[in-house]
Amino acid sequence: MYKEELSIISQAILNEVEGYEFYKLASQQASSQGTKEAFLELANEELKHTDYLKKLWKNLSDGGEVEIEEIISSGIEIPSPEIYRWDKVDKLNATLEMSIFGIAMQMEKNSIDFYQDAKEKAKSKLGKDLFDLLIKWERVHLEQFSNQYDLLKNDWWAEQGFAPF
């Protein structure tokens, strides 16, 4: 019954695993402990999404019925913008950090586009509601990355003598 949703959830699981691997690598490249911790927290958030999506896939593939309220109350929440300690990001190495955040922003945008497209193709209300939730998850990360990128960009511009900007 949920054949299309299962296919999309399968791809979503792969996307989350790729996100996990990227953030894990980003943490290894980070120059400060605060930045490492921020990226490891993001990696762990991707693993939570992966675990949840795997459970959802199994339930739907076994013919189970799922309500959007169950999805929302599953224990996977949209993280608050305060969950990451961006104030610990090392601004002295802004070039590398900006590159990482730039790539992360593109990954989140791609995920949002993927889920938007999936929502348009979904035939069930559950599918549409599920993809709305996944879009919310990704938008929170995108907003966090965009805000941090802008802070780093302004610091980098100042270091390069591009002020006043």
N, C-alpha and C. Protein backbone atom coordinates (compact mmCIF):
# COMPACT_ATOMS: atom_id res chain seq x y z
N MET A 1 0.82 -1.20 0.00
CA MET A 1 0.00 0.00 0.00
C MET A 1 0.86 1.26 0.00
N TYR A 2 1.97 1.23 0.70
CA TYR A 2 2.84 2.39 0.81
C TYR A 2 4.11 2.21 -0.03
N LYS A 3 3.97 1.62 -1.21
CA LYS A 3 5.14 1.29 -2.02
C LYS A 3 5.99 2.52 -2.33
N GLU A 4 5.37 3.61 -2.75
CA GLU A 4 6.13 4.82 -3.07
C GLU A 4 6.79 5.39 -1.83
N GLU A 5 6.05 5.41 -0.72
CA GLU A 5 6.60 5.93 0.53
C GLU A 5 7.81 5.10 0.98
N LEU A 6 7.70 3.76 0.82
CA LEU A 6 8.81 2.90 1.21
C LEU A 6 10.06 3.18 0.37
N SER A 7 9.86 3.41 -0.90
CA SER A 7 10.99 3.72 -1.77
C SER A 7 11.64 5.05 -1.36
N ILE A 8 10.83 6.01 -1.06
CA ILE A 8 11.36 7.32 -0.67
C ILE A 8 12.03 7.23 0.70
N ILE A 9 11.44 6.48 1.62
CA ILE A 9 12.05 6.31 2.94
C ILE A 9 13.39 5.59 2.80
N SER A 10 13.49 4.63 1.90
CA SER A 10 14.77 3.94 1.66
C SER A 10 15.84 4.93 1.24
N GLN A 11 15.50 5.83 0.32
CA GLN A 11 16.46 6.84 -0.11
C GLN A 11 16.75 7.81 1.02
N ALA A 12 15.74 8.15 1.81
CA ALA A 12 15.93 9.06 2.94
C ALA A 12 16.92 8.46 3.95
N ILE A 13 16.84 7.16 4.17
CA ILE A 13 17.77 6.50 5.08
C ILE A 13 19.20 6.66 4.56
N LEU A 14 19.38 6.43 3.27
CA LEU A 14 20.71 6.60 2.68
C LEU A 14 21.18 8.05 2.82
N ASN A 15 20.29 9.00 2.60
CA ASN A 15 20.65 10.42 2.74
C ASN A 15 21.12 10.72 4.16
N GLU A 16 20.41 10.17 5.15
CA GLU A 16 20.77 10.41 6.55
C GLU A 16 22.11 9.77 6.88
N VAL A 17 22.37 8.57 6.35
CA VAL A 17 23.66 7.90 6.58
C VAL A 17 24.78 8.74 5.97
N GLU A 18 24.56 9.26 4.77
CA GLU A 18 25.56 10.12 4.14
C GLU A 18 25.80 11.38 4.97
N GLY A 19 24.72 11.94 5.51
CA GLY A 19 24.85 13.11 6.39
C GLY A 19 25.66 12.77 7.63
N TYR A 20 25.38 11.62 8.22
CA TYR A 20 26.14 11.17 9.39
C TYR A 20 27.63 11.09 9.06
N GLU A 21 27.96 10.44 7.95
CA GLU A 21 29.37 10.29 7.57
C GLU A 21 30.02 11.65 7.31
N PHE A 22 29.30 12.55 6.68
CA PHE A 22 29.85 13.88 6.41
C PHE A 22 30.14 14.62 7.71
N TYR A 23 29.18 14.64 8.63
CA TYR A 23 29.38 15.38 9.89
C TYR A 23 30.46 14.74 10.74
N LYS A 24 30.58 13.41 10.67
CA LYS A 24 31.65 12.73 11.39
C LYS A 24 33.01 13.16 10.82
N LEU A 25 33.11 13.19 9.49
CA LEU A 25 34.36 13.65 8.86
C LEU A 25 34.62 15.12 9.18
N ALA A 26 33.57 15.92 9.17
CA ALA A 26 33.73 17.35 9.48
C ALA A 26 34.26 17.52 10.90
N SER A 27 33.78 16.69 11.82
CA SER A 27 34.27 16.80 13.21
C SER A 27 35.75 16.47 13.30
N GLN A 28 36.20 15.54 12.47
CA GLN A 28 37.61 15.16 12.47
C GLN A 28 38.49 16.27 11.89
N GLN A 29 37.93 17.08 11.01
CA GLN A 29 38.68 18.17 10.40
C GLN A 29 38.63 19.46 11.22
N ALA A 30 37.71 19.54 12.15
CA ALA A 30 37.52 20.77 12.92
C ALA A 30 38.74 21.04 13.78
N SER A 31 39.03 22.32 13.94
CA SER A 31 40.23 22.70 14.66
C SER A 31 40.00 22.94 16.14
N SER A 32 38.78 23.15 16.56
CA SER A 32 38.52 23.38 17.98
C SER A 32 37.62 22.29 18.54
N GLN A 33 37.72 22.10 19.83
CA GLN A 33 36.89 21.08 20.48
C GLN A 33 35.40 21.42 20.35
N GLY A 34 35.07 22.70 20.46
CA GLY A 34 33.67 23.12 20.34
C GLY A 34 33.08 22.78 18.98
N THR A 35 33.86 23.02 17.94
CA THR A 35 33.40 22.70 16.59
C THR A 35 33.26 21.19 16.41
N LYS A 36 34.24 20.46 16.93
CA LYS A 36 34.16 18.99 16.85
C LYS A 36 32.88 18.50 17.51
N GLU A 37 32.60 19.02 18.69
CA GLU A 37 31.40 18.60 19.43
C GLU A 37 30.13 18.95 18.67
N ALA A 38 30.11 20.14 18.06
CA ALA A 38 28.93 20.56 17.30
C ALA A 38 28.66 19.60 16.14
N PHE A 39 29.72 19.24 15.41
CA PHE A 39 29.53 18.34 14.27
C PHE A 39 29.22 16.91 14.71
N LEU A 40 29.78 16.47 15.83
CA LEU A 40 29.43 15.15 16.34
C LEU A 40 27.97 15.11 16.78
N GLU A 41 27.48 16.20 17.35
CA GLU A 41 26.07 16.27 17.73
C GLU A 41 25.19 16.17 16.49
N LEU A 42 25.60 16.84 15.42
CA LEU A 42 24.84 16.75 14.16
C LEU A 42 24.89 15.33 13.61
N ALA A 43 26.05 14.68 13.69
CA ALA A 43 26.17 13.30 13.22
C ALA A 43 25.21 12.41 14.01
N ASN A 44 25.17 12.60 15.31
CA ASN A 44 24.28 11.79 16.15
C ASN A 44 22.81 12.07 15.82
N GLU A 45 22.50 13.31 15.49
CA GLU A 45 21.13 13.65 15.09
C GLU A 45 20.74 12.89 13.82
N GLU A 46 21.68 12.78 12.88
CA GLU A 46 21.43 12.04 11.65
C GLU A 46 21.19 10.55 11.95
N LEU A 47 21.95 10.00 12.91
CA LEU A 47 21.74 8.60 13.29
C LEU A 47 20.35 8.39 13.89
N LYS A 48 19.89 9.34 14.70
CA LYS A 48 18.54 9.24 15.26
C LYS A 48 17.50 9.21 14.14
N HIS A 49 17.70 10.08 13.15
CA HIS A 49 16.78 10.11 12.01
C HIS A 49 16.83 8.76 11.28
N THR A 50 18.03 8.22 11.09
CA THR A 50 18.19 6.94 10.40
C THR A 50 17.46 5.83 11.15
N ASP A 51 17.68 5.77 12.44
CA ASP A 51 17.02 4.72 13.24
C ASP A 51 15.51 4.84 13.15
N TYR A 52 15.02 6.05 13.27
CA TYR A 52 13.58 6.26 13.20
C TYR A 52 13.03 5.84 11.84
N LEU A 53 13.71 6.25 10.77
CA LEU A 53 13.24 5.93 9.42
C LEU A 53 13.27 4.42 9.18
N LYS A 54 14.26 3.74 9.72
CA LYS A 54 14.32 2.28 9.58
C LYS A 54 13.13 1.62 10.27
N LYS A 55 12.79 2.09 11.46
CA LYS A 55 11.62 1.55 12.18
C LYS A 55 10.34 1.82 11.40
N LEU A 56 10.24 3.03 10.88
CA LEU A 56 9.06 3.38 10.09
C LEU A 56 8.97 2.51 8.85
N TRP A 57 10.09 2.31 8.16
CA TRP A 57 10.11 1.48 6.96
C TRP A 57 9.64 0.07 7.29
N LYS A 58 10.17 -0.50 8.39
CA LYS A 58 9.79 -1.86 8.77
C LYS A 58 8.29 -1.94 9.07
N ASN A 59 7.78 -0.98 9.81
CA ASN A 59 6.37 -0.98 10.17
C ASN A 59 5.50 -0.91 8.91
N LEU A 60 5.82 -0.01 8.01
CA LEU A 60 5.03 0.13 6.78
C LEU A 60 5.17 -1.08 5.88
N SER A 61 6.37 -1.66 5.80
CA SER A 61 6.57 -2.81 4.92
C SER A 61 5.88 -4.06 5.46
N ASP A 62 5.68 -4.10 6.78
CA ASP A 62 4.95 -5.22 7.38
C ASP A 62 3.45 -5.04 7.30
N GLY A 63 3.01 -3.95 6.66
CA GLY A 63 1.59 -3.70 6.50
C GLY A 63 0.97 -2.95 7.65
N GLY A 64 1.82 -2.47 8.55
CA GLY A 64 1.32 -1.73 9.70
C GLY A 64 0.76 -0.38 9.31
N GLU A 65 -0.14 0.08 10.11
CA GLU A 65 -0.70 1.42 9.92
C GLU A 65 0.01 2.37 10.88
N VAL A 66 0.33 3.53 10.41
CA VAL A 66 1.02 4.52 11.23
C VAL A 66 0.26 5.83 11.09
N GLU A 67 0.06 6.48 12.20
CA GLU A 67 -0.58 7.80 12.20
C GLU A 67 0.50 8.85 12.38
N ILE A 68 0.28 10.02 11.83
CA ILE A 68 1.27 11.09 11.93
C ILE A 68 1.52 11.44 13.39
N GLU A 69 0.51 11.30 14.26
CA GLU A 69 0.71 11.58 15.68
C GLU A 69 1.76 10.64 16.27
N GLU A 70 1.78 9.39 15.79
CA GLU A 70 2.80 8.44 16.25
C GLU A 70 4.18 8.90 15.80
N ILE A 71 4.26 9.42 14.60
CA ILE A 71 5.53 9.90 14.09
C ILE A 71 6.03 11.07 14.93
N ILE A 72 5.15 12.00 15.20
CA ILE A 72 5.53 13.19 15.96
C ILE A 72 5.92 12.82 17.39
N SER A 73 5.23 11.86 17.97
CA SER A 73 5.51 11.48 19.36
C SER A 73 6.55 10.36 19.46
N SER A 74 7.31 10.14 18.42
CA SER A 74 8.24 9.02 18.37
C SER A 74 9.49 9.22 19.21
N GLY A 75 9.69 10.41 19.73
CA GLY A 75 10.90 10.67 20.49
C GLY A 75 11.95 11.38 19.67
N ILE A 76 11.76 11.47 18.37
CA ILE A 76 12.68 12.24 17.54
C ILE A 76 12.08 13.61 17.38
N GLU A 77 12.74 14.57 17.95
CA GLU A 77 12.20 15.92 17.93
C GLU A 77 13.06 16.80 17.04
N ILE A 78 12.45 17.86 16.59
CA ILE A 78 13.22 18.87 15.87
C ILE A 78 14.09 19.56 16.91
N PRO A 79 15.41 19.56 16.72
CA PRO A 79 16.26 20.14 17.75
C PRO A 79 16.06 21.64 17.88
N SER A 80 16.20 22.11 19.10
CA SER A 80 16.12 23.55 19.31
C SER A 80 17.38 24.19 18.76
N PRO A 81 17.29 25.42 18.31
CA PRO A 81 18.51 26.07 17.81
C PRO A 81 19.59 26.20 18.88
N GLU A 82 19.26 26.00 20.12
CA GLU A 82 20.25 26.13 21.20
C GLU A 82 20.99 24.82 21.46
N ILE A 83 20.62 23.73 20.79
CA ILE A 83 21.23 22.44 21.08
C ILE A 83 22.72 22.43 20.74
N TYR A 84 23.12 23.20 19.75
CA TYR A 84 24.51 23.24 19.33
C TYR A 84 25.17 24.47 19.91
N ARG A 85 26.38 24.32 20.40
CA ARG A 85 27.11 25.43 21.01
C ARG A 85 27.97 26.10 19.94
N TRP A 86 27.32 26.86 19.08
CA TRP A 86 28.03 27.49 17.97
C TRP A 86 29.02 28.54 18.47
N ASP A 87 28.83 29.03 19.70
CA ASP A 87 29.76 30.02 20.23
C ASP A 87 31.14 29.42 20.46
N LYS A 88 31.26 28.09 20.43
CA LYS A 88 32.55 27.44 20.60
C LYS A 88 33.25 27.18 19.27
N VAL A 89 32.62 27.53 18.18
CA VAL A 89 33.24 27.31 16.87
C VAL A 89 34.47 28.21 16.76
N ASP A 90 35.54 27.65 16.26
CA ASP A 90 36.82 28.35 16.16
C ASP A 90 36.79 29.32 14.99
N LYS A 91 36.67 30.60 15.30
CA LYS A 91 36.59 31.61 14.25
C LYS A 91 37.95 31.92 13.65
N LEU A 92 39.03 31.45 14.27
CA LEU A 92 40.35 31.68 13.72
C LEU A 92 40.58 30.86 12.46
N ASN A 93 39.89 29.78 12.32
CA ASN A 93 40.01 28.93 11.13
C ASN A 93 38.72 28.98 10.33
N ALA A 94 38.27 30.18 10.09
CA ALA A 94 36.96 30.39 9.46
C ALA A 94 36.88 29.81 8.05
N THR A 95 37.97 29.78 7.31
CA THR A 95 37.90 29.30 5.93
C THR A 95 37.45 27.85 5.87
N LEU A 96 38.08 26.98 6.65
CA LEU A 96 37.67 25.57 6.66
C LEU A 96 36.26 25.43 7.20
N GLU A 97 35.96 26.13 8.29
CA GLU A 97 34.63 26.03 8.88
C GLU A 97 33.56 26.51 7.89
N MET A 98 33.84 27.60 7.18
CA MET A 98 32.88 28.10 6.19
C MET A 98 32.65 27.07 5.09
N SER A 99 33.70 26.41 4.66
CA SER A 99 33.56 25.38 3.63
C SER A 99 32.67 24.25 4.12
N ILE A 100 32.90 23.82 5.36
CA ILE A 100 32.10 22.73 5.92
C ILE A 100 30.64 23.16 6.02
N PHE A 101 30.41 24.38 6.55
CA PHE A 101 29.03 24.83 6.69
C PHE A 101 28.39 25.04 5.32
N GLY A 102 29.16 25.51 4.34
CA GLY A 102 28.61 25.68 2.99
C GLY A 102 28.14 24.36 2.40
N ILE A 103 28.95 23.32 2.56
CA ILE A 103 28.57 21.99 2.07
C ILE A 103 27.36 21.48 2.84
N ALA A 104 27.38 21.67 4.16
CA ALA A 104 26.26 21.21 4.98
C ALA A 104 24.96 21.90 4.58
N MET A 105 25.04 23.21 4.29
CA MET A 105 23.85 23.94 3.85
C MET A 105 23.31 23.35 2.55
N GLN A 106 24.19 23.03 1.63
CA GLN A 106 23.75 22.45 0.35
C GLN A 106 23.12 21.08 0.56
N MET A 107 23.69 20.29 1.48
CA MET A 107 23.11 18.98 1.77
C MET A 107 21.70 19.12 2.33
N GLU A 108 21.52 20.08 3.23
CA GLU A 108 20.19 20.29 3.81
C GLU A 108 19.21 20.80 2.76
N LYS A 109 19.65 21.70 1.89
CA LYS A 109 18.78 22.18 0.81
C LYS A 109 18.38 21.03 -0.11
N ASN A 110 19.34 20.17 -0.43
CA ASN A 110 19.04 19.02 -1.27
C ASN A 110 18.04 18.08 -0.60
N SER A 111 18.19 17.90 0.71
CA SER A 111 17.24 17.05 1.44
C SER A 111 15.84 17.66 1.42
N ILE A 112 15.77 18.97 1.63
CA ILE A 112 14.47 19.64 1.60
C ILE A 112 13.82 19.47 0.24
N ASP A 113 14.59 19.67 -0.82
CA ASP A 113 14.07 19.49 -2.18
C ASP A 113 13.61 18.06 -2.41
N PHE A 114 14.39 17.10 -1.91
CA PHE A 114 14.05 15.68 -2.05
C PHE A 114 12.71 15.39 -1.39
N TYR A 115 12.53 15.88 -0.15
CA TYR A 115 11.29 15.62 0.57
C TYR A 115 10.12 16.41 -0.01
N GLN A 116 10.37 17.59 -0.53
CA GLN A 116 9.30 18.36 -1.21
C GLN A 116 8.79 17.58 -2.41
N ASP A 117 9.74 17.07 -3.19
CA ASP A 117 9.37 16.28 -4.37
C ASP A 117 8.62 15.01 -3.95
N ALA A 118 9.09 14.37 -2.89
CA ALA A 118 8.43 13.17 -2.39
C ALA A 118 7.01 13.48 -1.94
N LYS A 119 6.84 14.62 -1.28
CA LYS A 119 5.52 15.01 -0.81
C LYS A 119 4.56 15.19 -1.98
N GLU A 120 5.04 15.82 -3.05
CA GLU A 120 4.20 16.03 -4.22
C GLU A 120 3.79 14.71 -4.87
N LYS A 121 4.65 13.70 -4.78
CA LYS A 121 4.35 12.41 -5.39
C LYS A 121 3.54 11.49 -4.49
N ALA A 122 3.55 11.77 -3.21
CA ALA A 122 2.87 10.89 -2.25
C ALA A 122 1.36 10.89 -2.50
N LYS A 123 0.80 9.72 -2.39
CA LYS A 123 -0.64 9.58 -2.62
C LYS A 123 -1.41 9.51 -1.32
N SER A 124 -0.73 9.14 -0.24
CA SER A 124 -1.42 8.99 1.04
C SER A 124 -1.24 10.23 1.90
N LYS A 125 -2.19 10.46 2.77
CA LYS A 125 -2.07 11.56 3.74
C LYS A 125 -0.88 11.33 4.65
N LEU A 126 -0.67 10.07 5.05
CA LEU A 126 0.47 9.75 5.89
C LEU A 126 1.77 10.16 5.21
N GLY A 127 1.91 9.82 3.93
CA GLY A 127 3.11 10.18 3.20
C GLY A 127 3.33 11.68 3.19
N LYS A 128 2.30 12.42 2.88
CA LYS A 128 2.41 13.88 2.84
C LYS A 128 2.78 14.44 4.22
N ASP A 129 2.13 13.94 5.27
CA ASP A 129 2.43 14.40 6.63
C ASP A 129 3.85 14.03 7.04
N LEU A 130 4.27 12.81 6.69
CA LEU A 130 5.61 12.36 7.01
C LEU A 130 6.65 13.27 6.34
N PHE A 131 6.44 13.56 5.07
CA PHE A 131 7.42 14.37 4.37
C PHE A 131 7.43 15.81 4.88
N ASP A 132 6.29 16.30 5.33
CA ASP A 132 6.26 17.62 5.98
C ASP A 132 7.15 17.62 7.23
N LEU A 133 7.05 16.55 8.01
CA LEU A 133 7.87 16.46 9.21
C LEU A 133 9.35 16.41 8.87
N LEU A 134 9.71 15.62 7.87
CA LEU A 134 11.11 15.52 7.47
C LEU A 134 11.63 16.85 6.94
N ILE A 135 10.80 17.57 6.23
CA ILE A 135 11.17 18.91 5.74
C ILE A 135 11.47 19.82 6.94
N LYS A 136 10.64 19.74 7.98
CA LYS A 136 10.89 20.55 9.18
C LYS A 136 12.23 20.22 9.81
N TRP A 137 12.55 18.92 9.91
CA TRP A 137 13.83 18.51 10.48
C TRP A 137 14.98 19.18 9.72
N GLU A 138 14.92 19.09 8.41
CA GLU A 138 16.02 19.60 7.59
C GLU A 138 16.08 21.14 7.61
N ARG A 139 14.93 21.78 7.68
CA ARG A 139 14.92 23.25 7.72
C ARG A 139 15.57 23.80 8.98
N VAL A 140 15.39 23.11 10.10
CA VAL A 140 16.03 23.55 11.34
C VAL A 140 17.54 23.53 11.17
N HIS A 141 18.07 22.44 10.63
CA HIS A 141 19.52 22.37 10.40
C HIS A 141 19.97 23.45 9.42
N LEU A 142 19.23 23.62 8.34
CA LEU A 142 19.60 24.62 7.35
C LEU A 142 19.66 26.02 7.97
N GLU A 143 18.69 26.35 8.78
CA GLU A 143 18.68 27.66 9.43
C GLU A 143 19.89 27.83 10.35
N GLN A 144 20.20 26.79 11.10
CA GLN A 144 21.36 26.85 12.00
C GLN A 144 22.65 27.05 11.20
N PHE A 145 22.80 26.28 10.13
CA PHE A 145 24.01 26.39 9.32
C PHE A 145 24.11 27.76 8.66
N SER A 146 23.01 28.25 8.16
CA SER A 146 23.00 29.56 7.49
C SER A 146 23.42 30.66 8.46
N ASN A 147 22.88 30.62 9.67
CA ASN A 147 23.22 31.62 10.67
C ASN A 147 24.71 31.57 11.02
N GLN A 148 25.22 30.36 11.24
CA GLN A 148 26.64 30.23 11.58
C GLN A 148 27.52 30.62 10.40
N TYR A 149 27.13 30.25 9.20
CA TYR A 149 27.90 30.61 8.02
C TYR A 149 28.01 32.13 7.90
N ASP A 150 26.89 32.82 8.11
CA ASP A 150 26.91 34.28 8.02
C ASP A 150 27.84 34.90 9.06
N LEU A 151 27.85 34.36 10.28
CA LEU A 151 28.76 34.86 11.31
C LEU A 151 30.22 34.65 10.91
N LEU A 152 30.52 33.44 10.45
CA LEU A 152 31.89 33.15 10.02
C LEU A 152 32.29 33.99 8.82
N LYS A 153 31.36 34.18 7.90
CA LYS A 153 31.65 34.99 6.71
C LYS A 153 32.01 36.41 7.10
N ASN A 154 31.26 37.01 8.01
CA ASN A 154 31.56 38.37 8.44
C ASN A 154 32.92 38.46 9.12
N ASP A 155 33.24 37.46 9.95
CA ASP A 155 34.56 37.43 10.59
C ASP A 155 35.66 37.28 9.54
N TRP A 156 35.42 36.42 8.57
CA TRP A 156 36.42 36.18 7.52
C TRP A 156 36.63 37.44 6.69
N TRP A 157 35.53 38.12 6.34
CA TRP A 157 35.65 39.36 5.59
C TRP A 157 36.46 40.38 6.37
N ALA A 158 36.21 40.48 7.65
CA ALA A 158 36.95 41.44 8.49
C ALA A 158 38.43 41.09 8.52
N GLU A 159 38.75 39.79 8.65
CA GLU A 159 40.15 39.35 8.66
C GLU A 159 40.85 39.63 7.33
N GLN A 160 40.09 39.60 6.24
CA GLN A 160 40.66 39.82 4.91
C GLN A 160 40.74 41.30 4.58
N GLY A 161 40.23 42.14 5.46
CA GLY A 161 40.25 43.57 5.21
C GLY A 161 39.16 44.04 4.27
N PHE A 162 38.08 43.27 4.17
CA PHE A 162 36.99 43.64 3.28
C PHE A 162 35.99 44.57 3.96
N ALA A 163 36.26 44.93 5.20
CA ALA A 163 35.36 45.85 5.93
C ALA A 163 35.55 47.25 5.38
N PRO A 164 34.62 48.14 5.41
CA PRO A 164 33.28 47.89 5.92
C PRO A 164 32.45 47.12 4.90
N PHE A 165 31.60 46.24 5.41
CA PHE A 165 30.75 45.42 4.55
C PHE A 165 29.36 45.73 4.91
